[in-house]
Each structure stands twice: as C-alpha cells, then as structure tokens.
Amino acid sequence: MSTDGSLVHSEYHDEVIQVQLCCANVLEQPTIDAIGDEIKAAIGDRSSPRLVIGFDSVQHLSSAALGMLITVQTQIKAMDGALCLAGIDDRIMDVFRITGLDQIFAIESSCETAREAVRA
C-alpha cells in the first residue's frame, strides 16, 4: 500500500492518466469498490480519456476485480478513450490468458510502453 494509505496513486502525463494500484491484494469488495471509485475520480469528466493502470504492486486479484476492470474498459470505450494495463505479474497474467481477457485488454509490460500504446 502507498505510504499515505491510498489504494491508488494517480499521475498525469500530458493527456495520459496513469493510475498505479498500490495494494498487493485486490480481493475484497470494499477494496475493489474504492479502487473503482478512485479510477473514476482520476478520469473525471475528461473526454476521450487515455488511461494506464499499473499493476506493479499487485500480487493477487479476485474475479470481482476483473469485473471492475471490464466495467472501466466499457466506460472508457463509451467515452471514445483508450485503456492499457501494465506491469501484471506472471501468475495474474495467466488468469488473463485463461479467461481470454488478454484478448479484451491492451496489456504492456511497463507503464512507459502502456502510455505510448494509449497515445497511438
């Protein structure tokens, strides 16, 4: 978790919003809801948002968290934006592959390459 206790850390790189998940375990519904709320707040009322979600700190992710990510993806697409996930642990990446979510989400190895991907 981040030193200030927040579940995410948001940064703005020109037109790209980068949200870094700061907790190792994204498992419980209150945590997932709070992360979803923080992502929505980071996007705000931007049109065509370009969003990167970094998973460098995440070690465990529940199916409910995957559902939240699908909701975020749907909302971003409806706003004519782009979403890219980055820094996903190999074990979590296996879940994305098994469920076919690696075909739904743009996924990059680092936030830097993800920022470039959403700019394209």
C-alpha atoms as a PDB file:
ATOM      1  CA  MET A   1       0.000   0.000   0.000  1.00  0.00           C
ATOM      2  CA  SER A   2       1.200   3.532  -0.594  1.00  0.00           C
ATOM      3  CA  THR A   3       2.683   5.441   2.312  1.00  0.00           C
ATOM      4  CA  ASP A   4      -0.365   7.732   2.569  1.00  0.00           C
ATOM      5  CA  GLY A   5      -2.742   4.762   2.815  1.00  0.00           C
ATOM      6  CA  SER A   6      -4.464   5.273  -0.536  1.00  0.00           C
ATOM      7  CA  LEU A   7      -5.217   2.311  -2.756  1.00  0.00           C
ATOM      8  CA  VAL A   8      -4.054   4.035  -5.933  1.00  0.00           C
ATOM      9  CA  HIS A   9      -1.622   6.736  -6.961  1.00  0.00           C
ATOM     10  CA  SER A  10      -2.614   8.858  -9.943  1.00  0.00           C
ATOM     11  CA  GLU A  11      -0.223  10.739 -12.204  1.00  0.00           C
ATOM     12  CA  TYR A  12      -0.879  12.767 -15.295  1.00  0.00           C
ATOM     13  CA  HIS A  13       1.497  12.541 -18.263  1.00  0.00           C
ATOM     14  CA  ASP A  14       0.244  15.101 -20.771  1.00  0.00           C
ATOM     15  CA  GLU A  15      -3.063  13.617 -21.932  1.00  0.00           C
ATOM     16  CA  VAL A  16      -2.453  10.213 -20.301  1.00  0.00           C
ATOM     17  CA  ILE A  17      -3.808   9.372 -16.853  1.00  0.00           C
ATOM     18  CA  GLN A  18      -1.687   6.760 -15.085  1.00  0.00           C
ATOM     19  CA  VAL A  19      -3.263   5.040 -12.094  1.00  0.00           C
ATOM     20  CA  GLN A  20      -0.890   2.838 -10.137  1.00  0.00           C
ATOM     21  CA  LEU A  21      -2.538   0.240  -7.895  1.00  0.00           C
ATOM     22  CA  CYS A  22      -0.779   0.426  -4.515  1.00  0.00           C
ATOM     23  CA  CYS A  23      -2.079  -2.677  -2.753  1.00  0.00           C
ATOM     24  CA  ALA A  24      -0.771  -6.220  -3.098  1.00  0.00           C
ATOM     25  CA  ASN A  25      -4.144  -7.905  -2.662  1.00  0.00           C
ATOM     26  CA  VAL A  26      -7.160  -6.726  -4.621  1.00  0.00           C
ATOM     27  CA  LEU A  27      -9.553  -9.318  -3.239  1.00  0.00           C
ATOM     28  CA  GLU A  28     -12.309  -7.839  -1.086  1.00  0.00           C
ATOM     29  CA  GLN A  29     -15.324  -5.982  -2.457  1.00  0.00           C
ATOM     30  CA  PRO A  30     -14.829  -2.795  -0.390  1.00  0.00           C
ATOM     31  CA  THR A  31     -11.256  -2.536  -1.706  1.00  0.00           C
ATOM     32  CA  ILE A  32     -12.392  -3.160  -5.285  1.00  0.00           C
ATOM     33  CA  ASP A  33     -15.181  -0.586  -4.987  1.00  0.00           C
ATOM     34  CA  ALA A  34     -12.785   2.004  -3.560  1.00  0.00           C
ATOM     35  CA  ILE A  35     -10.274   1.388  -6.365  1.00  0.00           C
ATOM     36  CA  GLY A  36     -13.039   1.718  -8.954  1.00  0.00           C
ATOM     37  CA  ASP A  37     -14.148   4.996  -7.362  1.00  0.00           C
ATOM     38  CA  GLU A  38     -10.581   6.334  -7.349  1.00  0.00           C
ATOM     39  CA  ILE A  39     -10.142   5.406 -11.019  1.00  0.00           C
ATOM     40  CA  LYS A  40     -13.410   7.196 -11.890  1.00  0.00           C
ATOM     41  CA  ALA A  41     -12.249  10.254  -9.934  1.00  0.00           C
ATOM     42  CA  ALA A  42      -8.906  10.260 -11.780  1.00  0.00           C
ATOM     43  CA  ILE A  43     -10.722  10.183 -15.131  1.00  0.00           C
ATOM     44  CA  GLY A  44     -13.130  12.905 -14.032  1.00  0.00           C
ATOM     45  CA  ASP A  45     -15.058  14.470 -16.871  1.00  0.00           C
ATOM     46  CA  ARG A  46     -12.317  14.169 -19.485  1.00  0.00           C
ATOM     47  CA  SER A  47     -13.462  13.404 -22.984  1.00  0.00           C
ATOM     48  CA  SER A  48     -11.608  10.586 -24.761  1.00  0.00           C
ATOM     49  CA  PRO A  49      -9.580   9.641 -21.665  1.00  0.00           C
ATOM     50  CA  ARG A  50      -6.296   7.823 -22.139  1.00  0.00           C
ATOM     51  CA  LEU A  51      -5.805   5.610 -19.085  1.00  0.00           C
ATOM     52  CA  VAL A  52      -2.984   3.336 -17.947  1.00  0.00           C
ATOM     53  CA  ILE A  53      -3.500   1.123 -14.904  1.00  0.00           C
ATOM     54  CA  GLY A  54      -0.253  -0.142 -13.377  1.00  0.00           C
ATOM     55  CA  PHE A  55      -0.209  -3.454 -11.526  1.00  0.00           C
ATOM     56  CA  ASP A  56       3.425  -3.497 -10.356  1.00  0.00           C
ATOM     57  CA  SER A  57       2.444  -3.883  -6.668  1.00  0.00           C
ATOM     58  CA  VAL A  58      -0.440  -6.322  -7.203  1.00  0.00           C
ATOM     59  CA  GLN A  59       0.145  -9.959  -6.264  1.00  0.00           C
ATOM     60  CA  HIS A  60      -3.438 -11.254  -6.018  1.00  0.00           C
ATOM     61  CA  LEU A  61      -6.541 -10.240  -7.948  1.00  0.00           C
ATOM     62  CA  SER A  62     -10.073 -11.581  -7.464  1.00  0.00           C
ATOM     63  CA  SER A  63     -12.663 -12.293 -10.132  1.00  0.00           C
ATOM     64  CA  ALA A  64     -14.644  -9.330  -8.799  1.00  0.00           C
ATOM     65  CA  ALA A  65     -11.627  -7.113  -9.508  1.00  0.00           C
ATOM     66  CA  LEU A  66     -11.579  -8.455 -13.073  1.00  0.00           C
ATOM     67  CA  GLY A  67     -15.240  -7.470 -13.325  1.00  0.00           C
ATOM     68  CA  MET A  68     -14.406  -3.952 -12.155  1.00  0.00           C
ATOM     69  CA  LEU A  69     -11.697  -3.715 -14.839  1.00  0.00           C
ATOM     70  CA  ILE A  70     -14.183  -4.825 -17.501  1.00  0.00           C
ATOM     71  CA  THR A  71     -16.568  -2.102 -16.304  1.00  0.00           C
ATOM     72  CA  VAL A  72     -13.786   0.506 -16.513  1.00  0.00           C
ATOM     73  CA  GLN A  73     -12.885  -0.733 -20.011  1.00  0.00           C
ATOM     74  CA  THR A  74     -16.530  -0.445 -21.114  1.00  0.00           C
ATOM     75  CA  GLN A  75     -16.816   3.079 -19.723  1.00  0.00           C
ATOM     76  CA  ILE A  76     -13.552   4.204 -21.344  1.00  0.00           C
ATOM     77  CA  LYS A  77     -14.620   2.824 -24.733  1.00  0.00           C
ATOM     78  CA  ALA A  78     -18.013   4.545 -24.434  1.00  0.00           C
ATOM     79  CA  MET A  79     -16.104   7.812 -23.925  1.00  0.00           C
ATOM     80  CA  ASP A  80     -14.006   7.106 -27.055  1.00  0.00           C
ATOM     81  CA  GLY A  81     -10.941   6.655 -24.874  1.00  0.00           C
ATOM     82  CA  ALA A  82      -8.216   4.050 -24.510  1.00  0.00           C
ATOM     83  CA  LEU A  83      -7.160   1.798 -21.638  1.00  0.00           C
ATOM     84  CA  CYS A  84      -3.963  -0.192 -21.245  1.00  0.00           C
ATOM     85  CA  LEU A  85      -2.931  -2.372 -18.299  1.00  0.00           C
ATOM     86  CA  ALA A  86       0.749  -2.607 -17.351  1.00  0.00           C
ATOM     87  CA  GLY A  87       3.176  -4.463 -15.122  1.00  0.00           C
ATOM     88  CA  ILE A  88       0.998  -7.506 -14.497  1.00  0.00           C
ATOM     89  CA  ASP A  89       2.579 -10.335 -12.500  1.00  0.00           C
ATOM     90  CA  ASP A  90       3.035 -13.618 -14.423  1.00  0.00           C
ATOM     91  CA  ARG A  91       0.568 -15.502 -12.195  1.00  0.00           C
ATOM     92  CA  ILE A  92      -2.105 -12.864 -12.717  1.00  0.00           C
ATOM     93  CA  MET A  93      -1.293 -12.732 -16.418  1.00  0.00           C
ATOM     94  CA  ASP A  94      -2.033 -16.469 -16.574  1.00  0.00           C
ATOM     95  CA  VAL A  95      -5.558 -15.695 -15.332  1.00  0.00           C
ATOM     96  CA  PHE A  96      -5.970 -13.087 -18.073  1.00  0.00           C
ATOM     97  CA  ARG A  97      -4.857 -15.664 -20.681  1.00  0.00           C
ATOM     98  CA  ILE A  98      -7.059 -18.492 -19.344  1.00  0.00           C
ATOM     99  CA  THR A  99     -10.139 -16.273 -19.240  1.00  0.00           C
ATOM    100  CA  GLY A 100      -9.422 -14.672 -22.618  1.00  0.00           C
ATOM    101  CA  LEU A 101      -9.170 -11.228 -21.048  1.00  0.00           C
ATOM    102  CA  ASP A 102      -5.763 -10.791 -22.662  1.00  0.00           C
ATOM    103  CA  GLN A 103      -7.732 -10.508 -25.922  1.00  0.00           C
ATOM    104  CA  ILE A 104     -10.021  -7.809 -24.484  1.00  0.00           C
ATOM    105  CA  PHE A 105      -7.465  -5.593 -22.757  1.00  0.00           C
ATOM    106  CA  ALA A 106      -4.390  -3.938 -24.180  1.00  0.00           C
ATOM    107  CA  ILE A 107      -1.579  -5.115 -21.898  1.00  0.00           C
ATOM    108  CA  GLU A 108       2.013  -3.899 -21.839  1.00  0.00           C
ATOM    109  CA  SER A 109       4.978  -4.901 -19.698  1.00  0.00           C
ATOM    110  CA  SER A 110       5.597  -1.396 -18.331  1.00  0.00           C
ATOM    111  CA  CYS A 111       3.687   1.805 -17.691  1.00  0.00           C
ATOM    112  CA  GLU A 112       6.008   3.637 -20.074  1.00  0.00           C
ATOM    113  CA  THR A 113       5.132   1.375 -23.018  1.00  0.00           C
ATOM    114  CA  ALA A 114       1.465   1.439 -21.972  1.00  0.00           C
ATOM    115  CA  ARG A 115       1.466   5.252 -22.088  1.00  0.00           C
ATOM    116  CA  GLU A 116       2.812   5.094 -25.625  1.00  0.00           C
ATOM    117  CA  ALA A 117       0.168   2.499 -26.562  1.00  0.00           C
ATOM    118  CA  VAL A 118      -2.779   4.641 -25.434  1.00  0.00           C
ATOM    119  CA  ARG A 119      -1.386   7.661 -27.254  1.00  0.00           C
ATOM    120  CA  ALA A 120      -1.409   5.787 -30.569  1.00  0.00           C
END
